[in-house]
Amino acid sequence: MSTFTHAPPPSELACDVCGRYPEPPKVRLTLANVAAMLPIELAVHALVVATGWPLVVKVLLLAVTATALVIWVAEPGARRLFRSWLHAPALRRRRELDVAPALWRARATLADSPGALEHLTHALAGLGVNILTIQAQPVRGGVVDELVLSAPGGLTEADLLDALGDGGGEGARVWPTTPLALVDGPTRALSLAARVAAMPAELPFAAAELLAAQRVPADRVVPDAWHAARTVLKVPTPWDAPLVLIRPGVPFTPAEEARAARLAELAEVVEHQRAT
């Protein structure tokens, strides 16, 4: 597991395209320039003033010399010498982003036995992952758990998959999500049901959103292996063509099939009432 306690070196802030660093805060840049230029200015003035040259020559020489040294020596030198200090605020923000919690959705099949979920939560807790929501759906040979996880920002999909596998999860999948995933499942289902009740034609969109699936035309030919893996769902509708949903790699559970069927029944009832 990666360590998040150390800030990345300043070189990691360089732009991948132009190689430049972000502009440092003006106050810090001013102080760095003063610290680099002051010794040079004092040395040049001491050398020129000590000569017996005419005043005009001294002024011109000081102006030209100081300007050249500031442009070509002092300012570039200050940016190199004080680079870590100049970019410290940006480094802190980068570190905060690296450790900021990230939201993930996860899905895994566990054995339908006492202690299975506890074993999974312990494996996730070992990475500092917090389970925010969980929904369990019984399937043949086990239970499918859908989780919303809050994980340290440095964790990757592979880290989470390894933890789910170590916790006894089979067929695990994870993908990034947003705070919308924290909406209570029954509340989201009721909201989608209300949407279908108001407009039955919204059934295909509501069902796809409810099951996080993709709609495909009813006449589209899908591989037989998808049917065998239960990643294709056909739902009768009040219209001629059935609703076909696909979710490659993630089988539909009986509970999800029942939810889609209830939405379709609701659309049919509303359509019938409008017709009569």
Protein backbone atom coordinates (compact mmCIF):
# COMPACT_ATOMS: atom_id res chain seq x y z
CA MET A 1 0.00 0.00 0.00
CA SER A 2 1.26 3.46 -0.87
CA THR A 3 2.39 5.94 1.77
CA PHE A 4 0.54 9.26 1.80
CA THR A 5 2.41 11.13 4.52
CA HIS A 6 5.11 12.71 2.35
CA ALA A 7 4.62 15.51 -0.14
CA PRO A 8 5.68 14.78 -3.70
CA PRO A 9 8.89 16.43 -4.93
CA PRO A 10 8.49 19.77 -6.75
CA SER A 11 9.33 18.07 -10.06
CA GLU A 12 5.93 16.34 -9.95
CA LEU A 13 4.26 19.74 -10.27
CA ALA A 14 5.82 20.39 -13.69
CA CYS A 15 3.40 20.51 -16.61
CA ASP A 16 3.56 17.36 -18.75
CA VAL A 17 3.32 19.48 -21.93
CA CYS A 18 5.52 22.54 -21.38
CA GLY A 19 7.53 21.40 -18.34
CA ARG A 20 6.82 24.61 -16.44
CA TYR A 21 5.86 24.87 -12.79
CA PRO A 22 2.69 26.60 -11.59
CA GLU A 23 3.15 30.28 -10.77
CA PRO A 24 4.09 30.59 -7.07
CA PRO A 25 2.31 33.05 -4.77
CA LYS A 26 3.40 36.66 -5.45
CA VAL A 27 4.44 37.33 -1.85
CA ARG A 28 6.74 34.31 -1.76
CA LEU A 29 8.16 35.10 -5.19
CA THR A 30 8.87 38.73 -4.14
CA LEU A 31 10.64 37.65 -0.95
CA ALA A 32 12.71 35.08 -2.85
CA ASN A 33 13.73 37.65 -5.46
CA VAL A 34 14.71 40.17 -2.78
CA ALA A 35 16.76 37.53 -0.97
CA ALA A 36 18.60 36.63 -4.17
CA MET A 37 19.02 40.16 -5.57
CA LEU A 38 19.99 42.08 -2.45
CA PRO A 39 23.51 40.60 -2.11
CA ILE A 40 24.15 41.14 -5.83
CA GLU A 41 22.89 44.73 -5.71
CA LEU A 42 25.04 45.54 -2.68
CA ALA A 43 28.16 44.01 -4.21
CA VAL A 44 27.72 45.84 -7.53
CA HIS A 45 27.04 49.17 -5.80
CA ALA A 46 30.06 48.76 -3.56
CA LEU A 47 32.34 48.11 -6.54
CA VAL A 48 31.01 50.92 -8.73
CA VAL A 49 30.64 53.57 -6.05
CA ALA A 50 34.25 53.04 -4.93
CA THR A 51 35.56 54.07 -8.35
CA GLY A 52 36.38 57.62 -9.35
CA TRP A 53 34.27 57.57 -12.49
CA PRO A 54 31.83 60.38 -13.34
CA LEU A 55 28.37 60.16 -11.79
CA VAL A 56 26.64 59.62 -15.12
CA VAL A 57 28.90 56.69 -15.92
CA LYS A 58 28.28 55.18 -12.47
CA VAL A 59 24.49 55.49 -12.82
CA LEU A 60 24.47 53.98 -16.32
CA LEU A 61 26.78 51.19 -15.28
CA LEU A 62 24.72 50.39 -12.18
CA ALA A 63 21.47 50.42 -14.15
CA VAL A 64 22.74 48.16 -16.93
CA THR A 65 24.64 45.80 -14.66
CA ALA A 66 21.89 45.47 -12.07
CA THR A 67 19.22 44.91 -14.74
CA ALA A 68 21.26 42.22 -16.48
CA LEU A 69 22.10 40.46 -13.23
CA VAL A 70 18.48 40.53 -12.07
CA ILE A 71 17.15 39.13 -15.36
CA TRP A 72 19.82 36.52 -16.07
CA VAL A 73 21.12 35.59 -12.63
CA ALA A 74 19.02 36.65 -9.64
CA GLU A 75 15.48 35.75 -10.64
CA PRO A 76 16.26 32.34 -12.25
CA GLY A 77 18.58 31.59 -9.34
CA ALA A 78 15.90 32.50 -6.82
CA ARG A 79 13.38 30.17 -8.49
CA ARG A 80 15.87 27.29 -8.41
CA LEU A 81 17.25 27.99 -4.94
CA PHE A 82 13.88 28.47 -3.25
CA ARG A 83 11.87 26.08 -5.46
CA SER A 84 10.58 23.89 -2.65
CA TRP A 85 9.57 26.89 -0.55
CA LEU A 86 8.00 28.75 -3.49
CA HIS A 87 5.84 25.78 -4.46
CA ALA A 88 5.06 24.59 -0.92
CA PRO A 89 1.38 25.73 -1.12
CA ALA A 90 0.86 23.84 -4.39
CA LEU A 91 2.58 20.79 -2.92
CA ARG A 92 0.28 20.90 0.10
CA ARG A 93 -2.78 21.08 -2.15
CA ARG A 94 -1.47 18.15 -4.18
CA ARG A 95 -0.92 16.14 -1.01
CA GLU A 96 -4.45 16.94 0.16
CA LEU A 97 -5.83 15.73 -3.16
CA ASP A 98 -3.81 12.53 -2.91
CA VAL A 99 -5.21 11.66 0.51
CA ALA A 100 -8.76 12.99 -0.02
CA PRO A 101 -11.33 10.20 0.24
CA ALA A 102 -12.66 8.88 -3.06
CA LEU A 103 -16.05 7.24 -3.58
CA TRP A 104 -16.28 3.84 -5.24
CA ARG A 105 -19.10 1.44 -5.98
CA ALA A 106 -18.31 -2.22 -5.53
CA ARG A 107 -20.14 -5.45 -6.26
CA ALA A 108 -19.13 -8.91 -5.13
CA THR A 109 -20.71 -12.29 -4.45
CA LEU A 110 -20.25 -13.69 -0.96
CA ALA A 111 -21.03 -17.07 0.51
CA ASP A 112 -24.42 -17.18 2.24
CA SER A 113 -22.92 -18.10 5.59
CA PRO A 114 -22.41 -16.43 8.97
CA GLY A 115 -19.35 -14.21 9.15
CA ALA A 116 -18.88 -13.80 5.38
CA LEU A 117 -19.70 -10.09 5.40
CA GLU A 118 -17.59 -9.53 8.51
CA HIS A 119 -14.59 -11.11 6.79
CA LEU A 120 -15.10 -8.76 3.83
CA THR A 121 -15.38 -5.65 6.00
CA HIS A 122 -12.18 -6.56 7.86
CA ALA A 123 -10.30 -6.87 4.56
CA LEU A 124 -11.52 -3.44 3.47
CA ALA A 125 -10.83 -1.90 6.88
CA GLY A 126 -7.21 -3.00 6.54
CA LEU A 127 -6.86 -0.43 3.74
CA GLY A 128 -8.72 2.27 5.64
CA VAL A 129 -11.83 1.82 3.49
CA ASN A 130 -15.19 2.74 5.00
CA ILE A 131 -18.44 1.13 3.84
CA LEU A 132 -21.05 3.87 3.45
CA THR A 133 -23.97 1.83 2.13
CA ILE A 134 -24.64 -1.83 1.46
CA GLN A 135 -27.41 -3.72 -0.31
CA ALA A 136 -27.59 -7.50 -0.25
CA GLN A 137 -29.42 -9.54 -2.89
CA PRO A 138 -29.72 -13.32 -2.58
CA VAL A 139 -28.71 -15.34 -5.62
CA ARG A 140 -28.18 -19.01 -6.29
CA GLY A 141 -25.14 -20.09 -4.30
CA GLY A 142 -24.59 -16.91 -2.33
CA VAL A 143 -25.42 -13.25 -1.81
CA VAL A 144 -24.53 -10.33 -4.08
CA ASP A 145 -23.46 -7.32 -2.04
CA GLU A 146 -23.49 -3.86 -3.59
CA LEU A 147 -21.35 -1.40 -1.64
CA VAL A 148 -20.57 2.29 -1.73
CA LEU A 149 -17.06 2.75 -0.37
CA SER A 150 -15.10 5.76 0.88
CA ALA A 151 -11.43 4.98 0.27
CA PRO A 152 -8.19 6.93 0.71
CA GLY A 153 -7.48 8.85 -2.48
CA GLY A 154 -4.28 6.96 -3.23
CA LEU A 155 -5.97 3.57 -3.49
CA THR A 156 -6.49 2.15 -6.96
CA GLU A 157 -9.06 -0.15 -8.48
CA ALA A 158 -6.57 -3.01 -8.21
CA ASP A 159 -6.10 -2.36 -4.47
CA LEU A 160 -9.83 -2.55 -3.87
CA LEU A 161 -10.25 -5.67 -6.01
CA ASP A 162 -7.47 -7.39 -4.07
CA ALA A 163 -9.13 -6.48 -0.77
CA LEU A 164 -12.51 -7.75 -1.95
CA GLY A 165 -10.91 -10.97 -3.12
CA ASP A 166 -9.05 -11.40 0.18
CA GLY A 167 -12.37 -10.84 1.97
CA GLY A 168 -14.00 -13.75 0.14
CA GLY A 169 -15.72 -11.77 -2.61
CA GLU A 170 -16.07 -13.53 -5.97
CA GLY A 171 -16.66 -11.86 -9.32
CA ALA A 172 -15.78 -8.51 -7.74
CA ARG A 173 -16.07 -5.29 -9.70
CA VAL A 174 -15.38 -1.71 -8.63
CA TRP A 175 -15.80 1.60 -10.39
CA PRO A 176 -15.58 5.27 -9.34
CA THR A 177 -18.82 6.95 -8.37
CA THR A 178 -20.21 10.24 -7.07
CA PRO A 179 -22.18 11.30 -3.97
CA LEU A 180 -25.35 10.49 -5.95
CA ALA A 181 -24.62 6.84 -5.18
CA LEU A 182 -25.33 7.58 -1.52
CA VAL A 183 -29.01 8.14 -2.23
CA ASP A 184 -31.01 5.52 -0.36
CA GLY A 185 -31.89 2.62 -2.68
CA PRO A 186 -35.61 2.46 -1.86
CA THR A 187 -35.84 6.25 -2.16
CA ARG A 188 -34.25 6.13 -5.62
CA ALA A 189 -36.59 3.32 -6.67
CA LEU A 190 -39.62 5.29 -5.50
CA SER A 191 -38.43 8.37 -7.36
CA LEU A 192 -38.07 6.37 -10.56
CA ALA A 193 -41.48 4.76 -10.01
CA ALA A 194 -43.01 8.22 -9.67
CA ARG A 195 -41.29 9.19 -12.91
CA VAL A 196 -42.82 6.20 -14.72
CA ALA A 197 -46.27 6.85 -13.18
CA ALA A 198 -46.19 10.40 -14.50
CA MET A 199 -45.00 9.33 -17.96
CA PRO A 200 -44.98 5.60 -18.84
CA ALA A 201 -42.76 6.27 -21.85
CA GLU A 202 -39.95 6.89 -19.34
CA LEU A 203 -39.93 3.18 -18.42
CA PRO A 204 -36.85 2.24 -20.51
CA PHE A 205 -34.81 5.11 -19.11
CA ALA A 206 -35.96 4.58 -15.51
CA ALA A 207 -35.30 0.84 -15.61
CA ALA A 208 -31.83 1.35 -17.07
CA GLU A 209 -31.02 3.92 -14.40
CA LEU A 210 -32.39 1.74 -11.62
CA LEU A 211 -30.26 -1.24 -12.63
CA ALA A 212 -27.22 0.70 -13.92
CA ALA A 213 -27.65 -1.06 -17.26
CA GLN A 214 -27.66 -0.18 -20.96
CA ARG A 215 -30.72 -0.25 -23.21
CA VAL A 216 -30.42 -2.02 -26.54
CA PRO A 217 -32.96 -2.51 -29.36
CA ALA A 218 -35.19 -5.52 -28.89
CA ASP A 219 -34.08 -6.98 -32.23
CA ARG A 220 -30.40 -6.72 -31.47
CA VAL A 221 -28.60 -10.07 -31.39
CA VAL A 222 -26.55 -10.54 -28.24
CA PRO A 223 -24.11 -13.40 -27.60
CA ASP A 224 -25.57 -16.57 -26.12
CA ALA A 225 -22.88 -16.44 -23.46
CA TRP A 226 -24.42 -13.22 -22.16
CA HIS A 227 -27.77 -14.94 -21.72
CA ALA A 228 -26.08 -17.84 -19.94
CA ALA A 229 -24.29 -15.40 -17.65
CA ARG A 230 -27.59 -13.60 -16.90
CA THR A 231 -26.19 -10.28 -18.13
CA VAL A 232 -29.16 -9.78 -20.49
CA LEU A 233 -32.59 -8.91 -19.12
CA LYS A 234 -35.78 -8.84 -21.18
CA VAL A 235 -38.75 -7.13 -19.58
CA PRO A 236 -42.28 -7.25 -21.10
CA THR A 237 -43.74 -3.79 -21.67
CA PRO A 238 -47.16 -2.35 -22.50
CA TRP A 239 -45.92 -1.92 -26.04
CA ASP A 240 -45.13 -4.48 -28.72
CA ALA A 241 -41.39 -4.75 -28.17
CA PRO A 242 -39.91 -5.88 -24.85
CA LEU A 243 -37.37 -3.79 -22.96
CA VAL A 244 -33.91 -5.30 -23.32
CA LEU A 245 -31.21 -4.34 -20.85
CA ILE A 246 -27.60 -5.50 -20.89
CA ARG A 247 -24.92 -5.25 -18.25
CA PRO A 248 -21.79 -7.06 -19.49
CA GLY A 249 -19.81 -8.67 -16.73
CA VAL A 250 -22.41 -7.96 -14.03
CA PRO A 251 -25.26 -10.54 -13.87
CA PHE A 252 -28.76 -9.40 -13.02
CA THR A 253 -30.02 -10.78 -9.73
CA PRO A 254 -33.56 -12.08 -9.18
CA ALA A 255 -34.29 -9.04 -7.02
CA GLU A 256 -33.25 -6.72 -9.86
CA GLU A 257 -35.36 -8.63 -12.34
CA ALA A 258 -38.34 -8.25 -10.01
CA ARG A 259 -37.75 -4.49 -9.68
CA ALA A 260 -37.70 -4.01 -13.45
CA ALA A 261 -40.84 -6.13 -13.80
CA ARG A 262 -42.68 -4.03 -11.19
CA LEU A 263 -41.75 -0.83 -13.04
CA ALA A 264 -43.09 -2.33 -16.27
CA GLU A 265 -46.32 -3.34 -14.51
CA LEU A 266 -46.70 0.20 -13.21
CA ALA A 267 -46.30 1.60 -16.72
CA GLU A 268 -48.88 -0.89 -18.01
CA VAL A 269 -51.41 0.08 -15.32
CA VAL A 270 -50.99 3.79 -16.06
CA GLU A 271 -51.30 3.19 -19.81
CA HIS A 272 -54.48 1.17 -19.25
CA GLN A 273 -56.02 3.84 -17.06
CA ARG A 274 -55.30 6.51 -19.65
CA ALA A 275 -56.81 4.39 -22.40
CA THR A 276 -60.04 3.85 -20.46
